[in-house]
Amino acid sequence: MVRMRARIRALVRSKTVLVAGVAVSIAVPVVTLPRLPAVTLWPLVLGLLPWVVGKYVLCPLRWRALTGAGLSRRWHLRAYAESELIGLLTPGHVGADVWRVARLHGTGMGHGDAVLSVGADRFVGAIGLIAFVAFAGTTLPTRMLLVAVAVGAAAVLTVLVVRRLRPGLLPSRPLPGPRQLAHGLVLSLGYQLSIAGLLLGTVAATGHSLSPMAALGAFGASQLAGAIPGPNGASPRDVALVVALAALGVPWEAAAVAVALKASLAWLPALALGGVSLLLFRRALRHVHVSGDAVTAS
């Protein structure tokens, strides 16, 4: 984790890598969208807008509610947007969590507390997803439940081992309380609604329709494949979502187009929000380094 965090920090500070990432962010939708069959624009816009609010407002606020570190909403909004762009550039979106841990650590928070913050956010997000899938009337695959139980057991075992061997790595802050968890869960449910809206919009853009409950069920069922990393738009999770949509009656070609649109559209707010925030973050780092050099010289 420490080595990966150092590598991601070095990549962000690299102007060449940052410019290349921006170029990729622009190229993916520009190259992909014109190659797709004819789609209707307005359903995409109507689906994208609530998802942007869910992803870049509700999710950062959920993270802040579960962290309780006294950092501003603006800080969480910016750090989360940065992490989403980095996540899109890394397989399995793993870079997003590493970047969030690094940003918290950069504020003076201990490593264990930073990991707890991001882990609690992921946990509440997963609970929100399970609640929505259950509400949609979709039976969760047995393998998904087994994986969830195994991950929980592994987490408990890891904490016990670390407490015995390296107690200094454990968080010094208390776990989120019931009120924090309830607040985070409400925000997570709102985000799940926005995901359903985006999926409905991309399916409608192909000329087909899907009920909101069916969309939630398809998205939830596809999350099992998320344990296997892959690039955004071509990961096992995306393939599973195509299969789930086809099983609900959406033609294969339309299902593939809808998932491709969903993956391509994710780059637009990531570039606009996360890209700009990363540029500002790099500028602030450069200013700090220059100020430090000036103080040293004097």
Protein backbone atom coordinates (compact mmCIF):
# COMPACT_ATOMS: atom_id res chain seq x y z
CA MET A 1 0.00 0.00 0.00
CA VAL A 2 2.77 2.44 0.92
CA ARG A 3 4.70 1.68 -2.26
CA MET A 4 1.59 2.05 -4.43
CA ARG A 5 0.73 5.31 -2.72
CA ALA A 6 4.22 6.66 -3.42
CA ARG A 7 3.97 5.64 -7.06
CA ILE A 8 0.58 7.31 -7.51
CA ARG A 9 1.84 10.48 -5.84
CA ALA A 10 4.84 10.48 -8.21
CA LEU A 11 2.53 9.98 -11.20
CA VAL A 12 0.31 12.87 -10.16
CA ARG A 13 3.32 15.15 -9.77
CA SER A 14 4.57 14.18 -13.22
CA LYS A 15 3.44 16.72 -15.79
CA THR A 16 3.93 14.23 -18.63
CA VAL A 17 1.73 11.59 -17.00
CA LEU A 18 -0.92 14.13 -16.11
CA VAL A 19 -1.09 15.46 -19.69
CA ALA A 20 -1.24 11.88 -20.98
CA GLY A 21 -4.07 11.10 -18.58
CA VAL A 22 -6.04 14.13 -19.73
CA ALA A 23 -5.46 13.09 -23.35
CA VAL A 24 -6.77 9.58 -22.62
CA SER A 25 -9.76 11.05 -20.81
CA ILE A 26 -10.65 13.09 -23.88
CA ALA A 27 -9.86 10.37 -26.40
CA VAL A 28 -12.03 7.64 -24.85
CA PRO A 29 -15.41 9.35 -25.33
CA VAL A 30 -14.36 11.11 -28.54
CA VAL A 31 -13.27 7.85 -30.19
CA THR A 32 -15.93 5.58 -28.69
CA LEU A 33 -19.15 7.55 -29.05
CA PRO A 34 -19.02 8.21 -32.84
CA ARG A 35 -18.45 4.49 -33.47
CA LEU A 36 -21.58 3.43 -31.62
CA PRO A 37 -24.93 2.96 -33.39
CA ALA A 38 -27.25 5.95 -33.48
CA VAL A 39 -28.28 7.03 -29.99
CA THR A 40 -30.59 9.73 -28.64
CA LEU A 41 -28.86 12.52 -26.76
CA TRP A 42 -31.46 13.66 -24.24
CA PRO A 43 -31.80 10.39 -22.30
CA LEU A 44 -28.02 10.46 -21.84
CA VAL A 45 -28.11 13.99 -20.44
CA LEU A 46 -31.06 13.24 -18.15
CA GLY A 47 -29.29 10.12 -16.87
CA LEU A 48 -25.87 11.74 -16.52
CA LEU A 49 -26.86 14.81 -14.49
CA PRO A 50 -28.26 13.01 -11.40
CA TRP A 51 -25.36 10.53 -11.53
CA VAL A 52 -22.83 13.37 -11.43
CA VAL A 53 -24.59 14.73 -8.34
CA GLY A 54 -24.62 11.27 -6.79
CA LYS A 55 -21.00 10.44 -7.59
CA TYR A 56 -19.35 13.81 -7.00
CA VAL A 57 -21.54 15.29 -4.25
CA LEU A 58 -23.33 12.53 -2.32
CA CYS A 59 -20.35 10.13 -2.25
CA PRO A 60 -17.85 12.73 -0.96
CA LEU A 61 -20.36 13.85 1.67
CA ARG A 62 -20.82 10.22 2.74
CA TRP A 63 -17.04 9.87 3.04
CA ARG A 64 -16.87 13.06 5.12
CA ALA A 65 -19.70 11.92 7.41
CA LEU A 66 -17.91 8.65 8.12
CA THR A 67 -14.47 10.23 8.56
CA GLY A 68 -15.25 12.90 11.14
CA ALA A 69 -11.84 14.52 10.74
CA GLY A 70 -13.06 18.11 10.67
CA LEU A 71 -12.01 18.61 7.05
CA SER A 72 -14.20 20.88 4.95
CA ARG A 73 -16.80 19.72 2.43
CA ARG A 74 -14.77 21.42 -0.28
CA TRP A 75 -11.70 19.36 0.63
CA HIS A 76 -13.65 16.11 0.40
CA LEU A 77 -15.32 17.12 -2.87
CA ARG A 78 -11.96 17.87 -4.45
CA ALA A 79 -10.11 14.84 -3.09
CA TYR A 80 -12.91 12.51 -4.17
CA ALA A 81 -13.03 13.98 -7.68
CA GLU A 82 -9.26 13.54 -7.98
CA SER A 83 -9.52 9.94 -6.83
CA GLU A 84 -12.19 9.14 -9.42
CA LEU A 85 -9.97 10.28 -12.29
CA ILE A 86 -7.04 8.29 -10.92
CA GLY A 87 -9.36 5.31 -10.43
CA LEU A 88 -10.41 5.39 -14.08
CA LEU A 89 -6.74 5.29 -15.06
CA THR A 90 -5.98 2.22 -12.90
CA PRO A 91 -7.32 -1.36 -13.25
CA GLY A 92 -10.11 -2.22 -10.86
CA HIS A 93 -10.38 1.43 -9.79
CA VAL A 94 -7.79 0.59 -7.12
CA GLY A 95 -5.98 3.91 -7.50
CA ALA A 96 -9.01 5.80 -6.21
CA ASP A 97 -8.83 4.37 -2.70
CA VAL A 98 -5.05 4.62 -2.57
CA TRP A 99 -5.25 8.29 -3.53
CA ARG A 100 -7.89 9.03 -0.90
CA VAL A 101 -5.75 7.39 1.78
CA ALA A 102 -2.75 9.42 0.59
CA ARG A 103 -4.71 12.69 0.65
CA LEU A 104 -5.93 12.04 4.21
CA HIS A 105 -2.42 11.07 5.27
CA GLY A 106 -1.20 14.35 3.78
CA THR A 107 -3.42 16.29 6.20
CA GLY A 108 -1.63 14.73 9.16
CA MET A 109 -4.01 11.84 9.74
CA GLY A 110 -2.41 8.55 10.70
CA HIS A 111 -2.22 5.81 8.12
CA GLY A 112 -4.49 3.47 10.09
CA ASP A 113 -7.12 6.18 10.52
CA ALA A 114 -6.98 7.03 6.79
CA VAL A 115 -7.45 3.38 5.84
CA LEU A 116 -10.35 3.12 8.31
CA SER A 117 -11.99 6.19 6.76
CA VAL A 118 -11.87 4.85 3.20
CA GLY A 119 -12.74 1.32 4.32
CA ALA A 120 -15.80 2.52 6.24
CA ASP A 121 -16.92 4.50 3.20
CA ARG A 122 -16.59 1.42 0.98
CA PHE A 123 -18.41 -0.72 3.53
CA VAL A 124 -21.40 1.63 3.82
CA GLY A 125 -21.48 1.94 0.02
CA ALA A 126 -21.68 -1.85 -0.26
CA ILE A 127 -24.47 -1.98 2.32
CA GLY A 128 -26.40 0.61 0.31
CA LEU A 129 -25.97 -1.46 -2.85
CA ILE A 130 -27.15 -4.65 -1.12
CA ALA A 131 -30.17 -2.81 0.30
CA PHE A 132 -31.15 -1.51 -3.12
CA VAL A 133 -30.71 -4.85 -4.83
CA ALA A 134 -32.85 -6.48 -2.13
CA PHE A 135 -35.45 -3.72 -2.53
CA ALA A 136 -35.46 -4.35 -6.29
CA GLY A 137 -36.54 -7.91 -5.60
CA THR A 138 -33.39 -9.40 -7.12
CA THR A 139 -31.89 -12.39 -5.37
CA LEU A 140 -28.23 -11.85 -4.72
CA PRO A 141 -26.07 -14.64 -6.14
CA THR A 142 -24.92 -17.10 -3.48
CA ARG A 143 -21.32 -16.50 -4.53
CA MET A 144 -21.73 -12.77 -3.87
CA LEU A 145 -22.95 -13.44 -0.33
CA LEU A 146 -20.14 -15.93 0.27
CA VAL A 147 -17.58 -13.40 -0.97
CA ALA A 148 -19.04 -10.72 1.32
CA VAL A 149 -18.89 -13.07 4.32
CA ALA A 150 -15.33 -14.13 3.45
CA VAL A 151 -14.18 -10.52 3.09
CA GLY A 152 -15.74 -9.63 6.44
CA ALA A 153 -14.12 -12.60 8.16
CA ALA A 154 -10.75 -11.78 6.60
CA ALA A 155 -11.05 -8.17 7.78
CA VAL A 156 -11.77 -9.25 11.37
CA LEU A 157 -8.89 -11.74 11.30
CA THR A 158 -6.53 -9.10 9.90
CA VAL A 159 -7.45 -6.65 12.67
CA LEU A 160 -6.81 -9.31 15.33
CA VAL A 161 -3.42 -10.24 13.86
CA VAL A 162 -2.35 -6.60 13.45
CA ARG A 163 -3.49 -5.76 16.97
CA ARG A 164 -1.24 -8.51 18.28
CA LEU A 165 1.83 -7.95 16.06
CA ARG A 166 1.73 -4.26 14.99
CA PRO A 167 -0.70 -2.35 17.23
CA GLY A 168 0.74 0.96 16.04
CA LEU A 169 -0.84 0.43 12.61
CA LEU A 170 -4.37 0.32 14.01
CA PRO A 171 -6.59 3.41 13.90
CA SER A 172 -6.44 5.75 16.87
CA ARG A 173 -9.88 7.23 16.11
CA PRO A 174 -13.09 5.48 17.20
CA LEU A 175 -15.21 3.66 14.65
CA PRO A 176 -18.10 5.64 13.07
CA GLY A 177 -21.08 5.80 15.42
CA PRO A 178 -24.67 4.76 14.61
CA ARG A 179 -25.64 8.30 13.60
CA GLN A 180 -22.68 8.57 11.22
CA LEU A 181 -23.47 5.16 9.73
CA ALA A 182 -27.14 6.07 9.26
CA HIS A 183 -26.18 9.38 7.62
CA GLY A 184 -23.76 7.60 5.31
CA LEU A 185 -26.33 4.95 4.43
CA VAL A 186 -28.92 7.55 3.41
CA LEU A 187 -26.37 9.22 1.14
CA SER A 188 -25.40 5.82 -0.26
CA LEU A 189 -29.03 5.06 -1.11
CA GLY A 190 -29.26 8.36 -2.95
CA TYR A 191 -26.16 7.45 -4.96
CA GLN A 192 -27.65 4.07 -5.88
CA LEU A 193 -30.69 5.87 -7.25
CA SER A 194 -28.44 8.02 -9.41
CA ILE A 195 -26.74 4.88 -10.80
CA ALA A 196 -30.13 3.50 -11.78
CA GLY A 197 -30.88 6.81 -13.48
CA LEU A 198 -27.67 6.69 -15.51
CA LEU A 199 -28.26 3.08 -16.57
CA LEU A 200 -31.85 3.83 -17.53
CA GLY A 201 -30.66 6.83 -19.53
CA THR A 202 -28.06 4.88 -21.49
CA VAL A 203 -30.53 2.07 -22.23
CA ALA A 204 -33.19 4.60 -23.30
CA ALA A 205 -30.65 6.28 -25.57
CA THR A 206 -30.49 3.06 -27.60
CA GLY A 207 -34.27 3.10 -28.09
CA HIS A 208 -35.14 0.51 -25.44
CA SER A 209 -36.66 0.69 -21.98
CA LEU A 210 -36.10 -0.92 -18.62
CA SER A 211 -37.85 -0.58 -15.27
CA PRO A 212 -35.89 1.15 -12.48
CA MET A 213 -36.07 -1.95 -10.28
CA ALA A 214 -34.75 -4.14 -13.10
CA ALA A 215 -31.90 -1.68 -13.69
CA LEU A 216 -30.93 -1.80 -10.03
CA GLY A 217 -31.08 -5.58 -10.02
CA ALA A 218 -28.90 -5.85 -13.13
CA PHE A 219 -26.34 -3.44 -11.75
CA GLY A 220 -26.23 -5.18 -8.39
CA ALA A 221 -25.90 -8.65 -9.89
CA SER A 222 -23.00 -7.48 -12.07
CA GLN A 223 -21.00 -6.30 -9.04
CA LEU A 224 -19.87 -9.85 -8.25
CA ALA A 225 -17.51 -9.69 -11.23
CA GLY A 226 -16.00 -6.49 -9.78
CA ALA A 227 -13.62 -8.59 -7.71
CA ILE A 228 -11.65 -9.18 -10.93
CA PRO A 229 -9.82 -6.00 -11.99
CA GLY A 230 -9.99 -4.60 -15.48
CA PRO A 231 -10.02 -1.31 -17.38
CA ASN A 232 -13.06 0.92 -17.24
CA GLY A 233 -15.51 -0.08 -19.97
CA ALA A 234 -13.90 -3.48 -20.62
CA SER A 235 -13.82 -5.04 -17.17
CA PRO A 236 -15.53 -8.29 -16.12
CA ARG A 237 -18.04 -6.12 -14.28
CA ASP A 238 -19.00 -4.38 -17.54
CA VAL A 239 -19.31 -7.70 -19.34
CA ALA A 240 -21.52 -9.02 -16.52
CA LEU A 241 -23.72 -5.94 -16.79
CA VAL A 242 -24.18 -6.55 -20.53
CA VAL A 243 -25.21 -10.14 -19.79
CA ALA A 244 -27.61 -8.99 -17.05
CA LEU A 245 -29.27 -6.43 -19.35
CA ALA A 246 -29.62 -9.03 -22.11
CA ALA A 247 -31.22 -11.42 -19.61
CA LEU A 248 -33.81 -8.73 -18.89
CA GLY A 249 -34.80 -8.54 -22.56
CA VAL A 250 -32.54 -5.79 -23.87
CA PRO A 251 -31.04 -6.88 -27.23
CA TRP A 252 -27.36 -7.82 -27.00
CA GLU A 253 -26.18 -4.98 -29.24
CA ALA A 254 -28.22 -2.40 -27.33
CA ALA A 255 -26.97 -3.78 -23.99
CA ALA A 256 -23.36 -3.53 -25.17
CA VAL A 257 -23.92 0.01 -26.43
CA ALA A 258 -25.58 1.07 -23.16
CA VAL A 259 -22.68 -0.24 -21.07
CA ALA A 260 -20.14 1.36 -23.43
CA LEU A 261 -21.96 4.68 -23.13
CA LYS A 262 -22.04 4.39 -19.34
CA ALA A 263 -18.28 3.77 -19.25
CA SER A 264 -17.47 6.55 -21.72
CA LEU A 265 -19.63 9.16 -20.01
CA ALA A 266 -17.84 8.53 -16.71
CA TRP A 267 -14.73 10.17 -18.16
CA LEU A 268 -16.40 13.53 -18.80
CA PRO A 269 -17.07 14.65 -15.19
CA ALA A 270 -13.88 12.90 -14.04
CA LEU A 271 -11.89 15.06 -16.42
CA ALA A 272 -13.82 18.26 -15.76
CA LEU A 273 -13.84 17.96 -11.96
CA GLY A 274 -11.00 15.63 -11.05
CA GLY A 275 -8.63 16.86 -13.74
CA VAL A 276 -9.01 20.51 -12.78
CA SER A 277 -8.64 19.68 -9.09
CA LEU A 278 -5.48 17.68 -9.76
CA LEU A 279 -3.98 20.60 -11.68
CA LEU A 280 -4.76 22.91 -8.76
CA PHE A 281 -3.31 20.37 -6.33
CA ARG A 282 -0.07 20.17 -8.32
CA ARG A 283 0.12 23.98 -8.41
CA ALA A 284 -0.33 24.12 -4.62
CA LEU A 285 2.42 21.51 -4.15
CA ARG A 286 4.74 23.48 -6.40
CA HIS A 287 4.02 26.66 -4.41
CA VAL A 288 4.79 24.87 -1.14
CA HIS A 289 8.07 23.55 -2.53
CA VAL A 290 9.08 26.98 -3.81
CA SER A 291 8.20 28.59 -0.46
CA GLY A 292 10.18 25.91 1.38
CA ASP A 293 13.22 26.45 -0.84
CA ALA A 294 13.01 30.21 -0.24
CA VAL A 295 12.88 29.74 3.53
CA THR A 296 15.84 27.33 3.39
CA ALA A 297 17.88 29.77 1.28
CA SER A 298 17.22 32.63 3.68
